[in-house]
N, C-alpha and C. Protein backbone atom coordinates (compact mmCIF):
# COMPACT_ATOMS: atom_id res chain seq x y z
N MET A 1 0.85 -1.19 0.00
CA MET A 1 0.00 0.00 0.00
C MET A 1 0.89 1.24 0.00
N THR A 2 0.48 2.24 -0.77
CA THR A 2 1.21 3.49 -0.84
C THR A 2 0.32 4.62 -0.33
N ASP A 3 0.87 5.82 -0.28
CA ASP A 3 0.06 6.99 0.08
C ASP A 3 -0.43 7.72 -1.17
N LYS A 4 -0.35 7.07 -2.32
CA LYS A 4 -0.76 7.69 -3.59
C LYS A 4 -2.22 7.39 -3.86
N LYS A 5 -2.86 8.33 -4.57
CA LYS A 5 -4.28 8.22 -4.91
C LYS A 5 -4.47 8.45 -6.40
N LEU A 6 -5.46 7.76 -6.94
CA LEU A 6 -5.96 8.03 -8.28
C LEU A 6 -7.37 8.57 -8.07
N VAL A 7 -7.59 9.80 -8.47
CA VAL A 7 -8.88 10.45 -8.27
C VAL A 7 -9.57 10.54 -9.63
N LEU A 8 -10.85 10.20 -9.64
CA LEU A 8 -11.65 10.24 -10.86
C LEU A 8 -12.67 11.36 -10.77
N THR A 9 -12.80 12.10 -11.86
CA THR A 9 -13.89 13.04 -12.00
C THR A 9 -14.21 13.13 -13.49
N THR A 10 -15.36 13.68 -13.80
CA THR A 10 -15.75 13.91 -15.19
C THR A 10 -16.05 15.39 -15.37
N ALA A 11 -16.01 15.81 -16.62
CA ALA A 11 -16.33 17.20 -16.95
C ALA A 11 -17.25 17.19 -18.16
N GLY A 12 -18.03 18.24 -18.29
CA GLY A 12 -19.01 18.33 -19.36
C GLY A 12 -18.47 18.87 -20.67
N SER A 13 -17.21 19.33 -20.68
CA SER A 13 -16.61 19.83 -21.91
C SER A 13 -15.10 19.66 -21.84
N GLN A 14 -14.47 19.68 -23.01
CA GLN A 14 -13.01 19.59 -23.06
C GLN A 14 -12.39 20.79 -22.37
N GLN A 15 -12.94 21.96 -22.58
CA GLN A 15 -12.40 23.18 -21.97
C GLN A 15 -12.44 23.09 -20.44
N GLU A 16 -13.56 22.62 -19.90
CA GLU A 16 -13.66 22.49 -18.44
C GLU A 16 -12.67 21.45 -17.93
N ALA A 17 -12.54 20.33 -18.63
CA ALA A 17 -11.58 19.30 -18.22
C ALA A 17 -10.16 19.85 -18.21
N GLN A 18 -9.80 20.60 -19.24
CA GLN A 18 -8.47 21.18 -19.31
C GLN A 18 -8.24 22.22 -18.22
N GLN A 19 -9.25 23.00 -17.91
CA GLN A 19 -9.11 24.01 -16.85
C GLN A 19 -8.90 23.34 -15.49
N ILE A 20 -9.67 22.31 -15.20
CA ILE A 20 -9.52 21.60 -13.93
C ILE A 20 -8.13 20.97 -13.86
N ALA A 21 -7.73 20.28 -14.94
CA ALA A 21 -6.43 19.61 -14.96
C ALA A 21 -5.29 20.60 -14.77
N ARG A 22 -5.32 21.67 -15.52
CA ARG A 22 -4.24 22.66 -15.45
C ARG A 22 -4.17 23.29 -14.05
N THR A 23 -5.32 23.61 -13.47
CA THR A 23 -5.34 24.21 -12.13
C THR A 23 -4.76 23.26 -11.09
N LEU A 24 -5.11 21.98 -11.17
CA LEU A 24 -4.59 21.00 -10.21
C LEU A 24 -3.08 20.82 -10.34
N VAL A 25 -2.59 20.73 -11.58
CA VAL A 25 -1.15 20.53 -11.78
C VAL A 25 -0.38 21.81 -11.47
N ASP A 26 -0.87 22.96 -11.96
CA ASP A 26 -0.20 24.23 -11.67
C ASP A 26 -0.14 24.49 -10.17
N GLY A 27 -1.20 24.11 -9.44
CA GLY A 27 -1.25 24.33 -8.00
C GLY A 27 -0.55 23.25 -7.19
N ARG A 28 0.11 22.31 -7.87
CA ARG A 28 0.85 21.22 -7.23
C ARG A 28 -0.04 20.34 -6.36
N LEU A 29 -1.33 20.26 -6.74
CA LEU A 29 -2.25 19.34 -6.08
C LEU A 29 -2.24 17.97 -6.74
N ALA A 30 -1.75 17.93 -7.98
CA ALA A 30 -1.65 16.68 -8.73
C ALA A 30 -0.35 16.69 -9.52
N ALA A 31 0.23 15.49 -9.67
CA ALA A 31 1.43 15.36 -10.48
C ALA A 31 1.08 15.31 -11.96
N CYS A 32 -0.06 14.73 -12.26
CA CYS A 32 -0.47 14.51 -13.65
C CYS A 32 -1.98 14.33 -13.68
N VAL A 33 -2.60 14.80 -14.75
CA VAL A 33 -4.01 14.53 -14.99
C VAL A 33 -4.15 14.08 -16.43
N ASN A 34 -4.66 12.87 -16.62
CA ASN A 34 -4.97 12.38 -17.96
C ASN A 34 -6.42 12.72 -18.26
N ILE A 35 -6.67 13.20 -19.47
CA ILE A 35 -8.03 13.52 -19.90
C ILE A 35 -8.42 12.54 -21.00
N ILE A 36 -9.44 11.77 -20.75
CA ILE A 36 -9.95 10.82 -21.74
C ILE A 36 -11.19 11.45 -22.36
N PRO A 37 -11.13 11.73 -23.67
CA PRO A 37 -12.19 12.51 -24.30
C PRO A 37 -13.45 11.72 -24.59
N GLN A 38 -14.53 12.43 -24.53
CA GLN A 38 -15.86 12.03 -25.00
C GLN A 38 -16.26 10.60 -24.64
N ILE A 39 -16.34 10.36 -23.35
CA ILE A 39 -16.92 9.10 -22.89
C ILE A 39 -18.43 9.30 -22.83
N GLN A 40 -19.16 8.23 -22.92
CA GLN A 40 -20.61 8.32 -22.78
C GLN A 40 -20.97 7.90 -21.36
N SER A 41 -21.70 8.74 -20.68
CA SER A 41 -22.14 8.46 -19.31
C SER A 41 -23.66 8.36 -19.29
N ILE A 42 -24.15 7.29 -18.72
CA ILE A 42 -25.59 7.12 -18.50
C ILE A 42 -25.77 7.02 -16.99
N TYR A 43 -26.59 7.89 -16.44
CA TYR A 43 -26.71 7.99 -14.99
C TYR A 43 -28.10 8.49 -14.60
N ARG A 44 -28.44 8.25 -13.36
CA ARG A 44 -29.70 8.74 -12.82
C ARG A 44 -29.46 10.06 -12.12
N TRP A 45 -30.23 11.08 -12.46
CA TRP A 45 -30.10 12.39 -11.84
C TRP A 45 -31.48 13.00 -11.68
N GLN A 46 -31.83 13.33 -10.45
CA GLN A 46 -33.10 13.96 -10.11
C GLN A 46 -34.28 13.19 -10.68
N GLY A 47 -34.22 11.86 -10.50
CA GLY A 47 -35.33 10.99 -10.87
C GLY A 47 -35.42 10.62 -12.34
N LYS A 48 -34.46 11.07 -13.15
CA LYS A 48 -34.49 10.75 -14.58
C LYS A 48 -33.17 10.09 -14.98
N VAL A 49 -33.25 9.24 -15.99
CA VAL A 49 -32.05 8.65 -16.55
C VAL A 49 -31.52 9.61 -17.62
N GLU A 50 -30.26 10.01 -17.45
CA GLU A 50 -29.62 10.97 -18.35
C GLU A 50 -28.56 10.25 -19.19
N ASP A 51 -28.25 10.83 -20.33
CA ASP A 51 -27.24 10.30 -21.25
C ASP A 51 -26.42 11.50 -21.71
N ALA A 52 -25.11 11.50 -21.42
CA ALA A 52 -24.30 12.67 -21.72
C ALA A 52 -22.91 12.28 -22.22
N GLN A 53 -22.33 13.14 -23.02
CA GLN A 53 -20.93 13.02 -23.41
C GLN A 53 -20.11 13.78 -22.36
N GLU A 54 -19.08 13.13 -21.83
CA GLU A 54 -18.25 13.76 -20.81
C GLU A 54 -16.78 13.47 -21.09
N TRP A 55 -15.91 14.14 -20.35
CA TRP A 55 -14.47 13.94 -20.40
C TRP A 55 -14.07 13.40 -19.04
N LEU A 56 -13.36 12.28 -19.03
CA LEU A 56 -12.93 11.63 -17.78
C LEU A 56 -11.53 12.11 -17.42
N LEU A 57 -11.36 12.54 -16.18
CA LEU A 57 -10.06 12.97 -15.68
C LEU A 57 -9.53 11.93 -14.71
N LEU A 58 -8.29 11.48 -14.95
CA LEU A 58 -7.57 10.57 -14.05
C LEU A 58 -6.48 11.39 -13.39
N ILE A 59 -6.64 11.64 -12.11
CA ILE A 59 -5.78 12.58 -11.37
C ILE A 59 -4.85 11.79 -10.46
N LYS A 60 -3.53 11.98 -10.63
CA LYS A 60 -2.54 11.31 -9.79
C LYS A 60 -2.11 12.26 -8.69
N THR A 61 -2.32 11.86 -7.44
CA THR A 61 -2.02 12.73 -6.31
C THR A 61 -1.62 11.89 -5.10
N THR A 62 -1.57 12.53 -3.94
CA THR A 62 -1.24 11.83 -2.70
C THR A 62 -2.44 11.86 -1.76
N ASP A 63 -2.38 10.98 -0.79
CA ASP A 63 -3.43 10.94 0.23
C ASP A 63 -3.53 12.28 0.95
N GLN A 64 -2.39 12.87 1.26
CA GLN A 64 -2.35 14.14 1.98
C GLN A 64 -3.01 15.27 1.19
N ALA A 65 -2.92 15.24 -0.14
CA ALA A 65 -3.46 16.32 -0.97
C ALA A 65 -4.91 16.07 -1.39
N PHE A 66 -5.45 14.88 -1.11
CA PHE A 66 -6.78 14.55 -1.63
C PHE A 66 -7.86 15.56 -1.25
N GLU A 67 -7.93 15.95 0.01
CA GLU A 67 -9.00 16.89 0.42
C GLU A 67 -8.92 18.19 -0.36
N ARG A 68 -7.70 18.67 -0.62
CA ARG A 68 -7.54 19.91 -1.40
C ARG A 68 -7.93 19.70 -2.85
N VAL A 69 -7.65 18.51 -3.39
CA VAL A 69 -8.09 18.18 -4.75
C VAL A 69 -9.61 18.17 -4.81
N ARG A 70 -10.23 17.49 -3.85
CA ARG A 70 -11.70 17.42 -3.80
C ARG A 70 -12.31 18.81 -3.70
N ASP A 71 -11.75 19.66 -2.86
CA ASP A 71 -12.28 21.02 -2.71
C ASP A 71 -12.10 21.83 -3.99
N ALA A 72 -10.95 21.67 -4.65
CA ALA A 72 -10.71 22.40 -5.90
C ALA A 72 -11.68 21.96 -6.98
N ILE A 73 -11.93 20.66 -7.07
CA ILE A 73 -12.90 20.17 -8.06
C ILE A 73 -14.26 20.79 -7.78
N GLY A 74 -14.67 20.82 -6.53
CA GLY A 74 -15.95 21.41 -6.17
C GLY A 74 -16.05 22.88 -6.55
N GLU A 75 -14.96 23.61 -6.40
CA GLU A 75 -14.96 25.05 -6.73
C GLU A 75 -14.92 25.30 -8.23
N LEU A 76 -14.17 24.49 -8.96
CA LEU A 76 -13.95 24.74 -10.39
C LEU A 76 -15.05 24.17 -11.28
N HIS A 77 -15.78 23.21 -10.80
CA HIS A 77 -16.68 22.42 -11.62
C HIS A 77 -18.01 23.12 -11.87
N SER A 78 -18.56 22.91 -13.05
CA SER A 78 -19.86 23.49 -13.40
C SER A 78 -21.02 22.63 -12.90
N TYR A 79 -20.76 21.37 -12.58
CA TYR A 79 -21.84 20.48 -12.14
C TYR A 79 -22.26 20.81 -10.71
N GLU A 80 -23.53 20.62 -10.45
CA GLU A 80 -24.05 20.78 -9.09
C GLU A 80 -23.43 19.74 -8.15
N LEU A 81 -23.23 18.53 -8.66
CA LEU A 81 -22.67 17.43 -7.87
C LEU A 81 -21.62 16.70 -8.70
N PRO A 82 -20.39 17.24 -8.75
CA PRO A 82 -19.35 16.59 -9.56
C PRO A 82 -18.88 15.29 -8.93
N GLU A 83 -18.57 14.35 -9.80
CA GLU A 83 -17.95 13.10 -9.35
C GLU A 83 -16.59 13.42 -8.75
N CYS A 84 -16.28 12.78 -7.63
CA CYS A 84 -14.94 12.87 -7.05
C CYS A 84 -14.75 11.59 -6.24
N ILE A 85 -14.07 10.64 -6.87
CA ILE A 85 -13.84 9.33 -6.26
C ILE A 85 -12.35 9.12 -6.13
N SER A 86 -11.90 8.70 -4.97
CA SER A 86 -10.49 8.46 -4.70
C SER A 86 -10.25 6.95 -4.59
N LEU A 87 -9.29 6.47 -5.37
CA LEU A 87 -8.88 5.06 -5.31
C LEU A 87 -7.45 4.99 -4.79
N SER A 88 -7.20 4.09 -3.88
CA SER A 88 -5.85 3.91 -3.35
C SER A 88 -4.98 3.18 -4.36
N VAL A 89 -3.76 3.63 -4.49
CA VAL A 89 -2.78 2.96 -5.34
C VAL A 89 -2.05 1.95 -4.47
N GLU A 90 -2.21 0.69 -4.78
CA GLU A 90 -1.61 -0.38 -3.98
C GLU A 90 -0.11 -0.46 -4.16
N ASP A 91 0.35 -0.32 -5.41
CA ASP A 91 1.76 -0.50 -5.71
C ASP A 91 2.04 0.14 -7.06
N GLY A 92 3.28 0.26 -7.41
CA GLY A 92 3.66 0.82 -8.70
C GLY A 92 5.16 0.96 -8.79
N SER A 93 5.60 1.48 -9.90
CA SER A 93 7.02 1.73 -10.10
C SER A 93 7.50 2.70 -9.02
N ALA A 94 8.56 2.32 -8.33
CA ALA A 94 9.08 3.17 -7.25
C ALA A 94 9.46 4.55 -7.78
N ALA A 95 10.06 4.61 -8.95
CA ALA A 95 10.46 5.90 -9.53
C ALA A 95 9.23 6.76 -9.84
N TYR A 96 8.18 6.14 -10.38
CA TYR A 96 6.97 6.90 -10.72
C TYR A 96 6.28 7.40 -9.45
N LEU A 97 6.16 6.54 -8.45
CA LEU A 97 5.53 6.94 -7.19
C LEU A 97 6.32 8.06 -6.52
N ASN A 98 7.64 7.99 -6.61
CA ASN A 98 8.47 9.05 -6.06
C ASN A 98 8.24 10.36 -6.81
N TRP A 99 8.10 10.29 -8.13
CA TRP A 99 7.83 11.48 -8.93
C TRP A 99 6.52 12.13 -8.51
N ILE A 100 5.49 11.34 -8.23
CA ILE A 100 4.24 11.90 -7.75
C ILE A 100 4.50 12.67 -6.45
N SER A 101 5.22 12.05 -5.52
CA SER A 101 5.53 12.71 -4.24
C SER A 101 6.25 14.02 -4.45
N GLU A 102 7.22 14.04 -5.34
CA GLU A 102 8.00 15.25 -5.59
C GLU A 102 7.20 16.33 -6.29
N SER A 103 6.14 15.94 -7.01
CA SER A 103 5.35 16.90 -7.81
C SER A 103 4.18 17.50 -7.06
N VAL A 104 3.82 16.92 -5.92
CA VAL A 104 2.64 17.35 -5.17
C VAL A 104 3.10 17.93 -3.83
N ASP A 105 2.57 19.12 -3.50
CA ASP A 105 2.88 19.74 -2.21
C ASP A 105 1.93 19.25 -1.14
């Protein structure tokens, strides 16, 4: 087990995804954010089934920075209830995990 996290969120546009990613990396809250374009999301919202095109963000960060990442997503996001899920990184390349630590304050 490591202290690294993979955080998932989605955005409603490429521009919003890029803004969130750039803010997190520029602010040293994340070492890297991958943006996967135009995924299809089907979900229940306010009693209706919705179907939307979204951009998936894969955010590499640390356990210590997660709360600040979550708060930043909440502030930057256009959604009333943005996805913010944190997954623990069990293991990985020691050099890569160290790079995450060095990149995140």
